[in-house]
Amino acid sequence: MSDQAQSQCEGNEPYALMVLGDSMLPEFKEGDIIIIEPSGVIANESYVIAYHNDEYIFRQLIIDDDKFYLKPLNESYAMEEISGLDVIKGKITQKKFSSKRKDIKFYA
């Protein structure tokens, strides 16, 4: 991700990204559009965008006692521990999975 794209993604305004890959199957398929709220309230099992290992990553946040993990939904990928919530750059609030208006799903 370029420095310009990175700065745009870390603002306070919601933004959209397209899901790439299969790490979040079956809930999120390649081509789904997700809406990210940078200032969204983060909780256990929230879907998040994080900056981890020098890249942006889309995962589910798992909070277990005082430890934090980024969990892919696809079991072919490994769950990774993160240092804390400072790596979280936004919360997914909705996805659009087709061109039909009714095909939008919201996340708390």
Protein backbone atom coordinates (compact mmCIF):
# COMPACT_ATOMS: atom_id res chain seq x y z
CA MET A 1 0.00 0.00 0.00
CA SER A 2 1.44 3.38 -0.94
CA ASP A 3 2.09 6.11 1.64
CA GLN A 4 -0.75 8.16 0.14
CA ALA A 5 -3.21 5.25 0.35
CA GLN A 6 -2.02 4.50 3.87
CA SER A 7 -2.67 8.07 5.02
CA GLN A 8 -6.14 8.03 3.44
CA CYS A 9 -6.98 4.76 5.18
CA GLU A 10 -5.95 6.04 8.59
CA GLY A 11 -8.19 9.13 8.63
CA ASN A 12 -11.39 9.44 10.62
CA GLU A 13 -13.77 9.02 7.68
CA PRO A 14 -15.26 5.62 6.78
CA TYR A 15 -13.78 4.03 3.68
CA ALA A 16 -14.38 0.96 1.52
CA LEU A 17 -12.07 -1.85 0.50
CA MET A 18 -12.54 -4.91 -1.68
CA VAL A 19 -11.85 -8.29 -0.08
CA LEU A 20 -8.98 -10.12 -1.76
CA GLY A 21 -8.11 -13.75 -1.14
CA ASP A 22 -9.83 -16.46 0.84
CA SER A 23 -8.57 -15.98 4.41
CA MET A 24 -11.97 -14.75 5.65
CA LEU A 25 -14.16 -17.41 4.01
CA PRO A 26 -16.94 -18.32 4.40
CA GLU A 27 -18.29 -15.00 5.77
CA PHE A 28 -16.34 -12.74 3.38
CA LYS A 29 -15.68 -13.79 -0.20
CA GLU A 30 -13.22 -12.33 -2.68
CA GLY A 31 -14.85 -9.34 -4.33
CA ASP A 32 -17.07 -8.38 -1.37
CA ILE A 33 -16.88 -4.69 -0.52
CA ILE A 34 -16.35 -3.92 3.16
CA ILE A 35 -16.90 -0.59 4.90
CA ILE A 36 -14.36 0.32 7.56
CA GLU A 37 -15.04 2.77 10.39
CA PRO A 38 -11.63 3.98 11.66
CA SER A 39 -13.11 5.22 14.93
CA GLY A 40 -15.48 2.26 15.41
CA VAL A 41 -15.77 0.68 18.85
CA ILE A 42 -13.64 -2.47 18.92
CA ALA A 43 -14.76 -5.53 20.90
CA ASN A 44 -13.95 -9.22 21.06
CA GLU A 45 -14.83 -10.91 17.74
CA SER A 46 -15.06 -7.61 15.82
CA TYR A 47 -13.94 -7.77 12.20
CA VAL A 48 -11.03 -5.37 11.85
CA ILE A 49 -8.35 -3.94 9.61
CA ALA A 50 -4.96 -4.05 11.33
CA TYR A 51 -1.44 -3.02 10.43
CA HIS A 52 0.61 -6.11 11.26
CA ASN A 53 3.97 -7.36 9.94
CA ASP A 54 4.34 -4.28 7.71
CA GLU A 55 1.04 -4.80 5.89
CA TYR A 56 -2.66 -4.17 6.29
CA ILE A 57 -4.62 -7.29 7.14
CA PHE A 58 -8.35 -8.06 7.46
CA ARG A 59 -9.16 -10.43 10.31
CA GLN A 60 -11.40 -11.08 13.29
CA LEU A 61 -10.08 -9.68 16.58
CA ILE A 62 -9.96 -12.17 19.43
CA ILE A 63 -9.38 -10.88 22.96
CA ASP A 64 -8.43 -13.57 25.47
CA ASP A 65 -7.56 -12.24 28.94
CA ASP A 66 -4.80 -9.70 28.27
CA LYS A 67 -3.80 -11.11 24.87
CA PHE A 68 -4.95 -10.02 21.43
CA TYR A 69 -5.10 -12.13 18.28
CA LEU A 70 -5.96 -11.68 14.60
CA LYS A 71 -7.97 -14.69 13.51
CA PRO A 72 -8.73 -15.67 9.92
CA LEU A 73 -12.09 -17.41 9.46
CA ASN A 74 -10.57 -19.86 6.99
CA GLU A 75 -8.86 -22.58 9.04
CA SER A 76 -6.13 -22.91 6.38
CA TYR A 77 -4.56 -19.75 7.81
CA ALA A 78 -2.93 -19.30 11.22
CA MET A 79 -4.15 -17.04 14.01
CA GLU A 80 -1.50 -14.48 14.99
CA GLU A 81 -0.90 -12.73 18.30
CA ILE A 82 -0.58 -8.94 18.19
CA SER A 83 0.97 -6.54 20.68
CA GLY A 84 -2.25 -4.69 21.44
CA LEU A 85 -5.11 -2.67 20.05
CA ASP A 86 -2.76 0.00 18.69
CA VAL A 87 -2.35 -2.08 15.49
CA ILE A 88 -6.11 -1.94 14.81
CA LYS A 89 -6.86 0.70 12.18
CA GLY A 90 -10.60 0.27 11.83
CA LYS A 91 -13.67 -1.87 12.37
CA ILE A 92 -15.72 -3.42 9.58
CA THR A 93 -19.29 -2.16 9.89
CA GLN A 94 -20.86 -3.61 6.76
CA LYS A 95 -20.30 -5.56 3.57
CA LYS A 96 -21.91 -5.46 0.17
CA PHE A 97 -21.82 -8.75 -1.66
CA SER A 98 -23.63 -8.04 -4.90
CA SER A 99 -24.89 -5.15 -6.97
CA LYS A 100 -28.37 -5.43 -5.42
CA ARG A 101 -29.21 -2.88 -2.75
CA LYS A 102 -30.66 -5.55 -0.44
CA ASP A 103 -27.39 -7.50 -0.41
CA ILE A 104 -25.79 -5.50 2.41
CA LYS A 105 -24.94 -6.98 5.78
CA PHE A 106 -24.24 -4.88 8.88
CA TYR A 107 -21.87 -5.75 11.75
CA ALA A 108 -22.10 -4.43 15.29
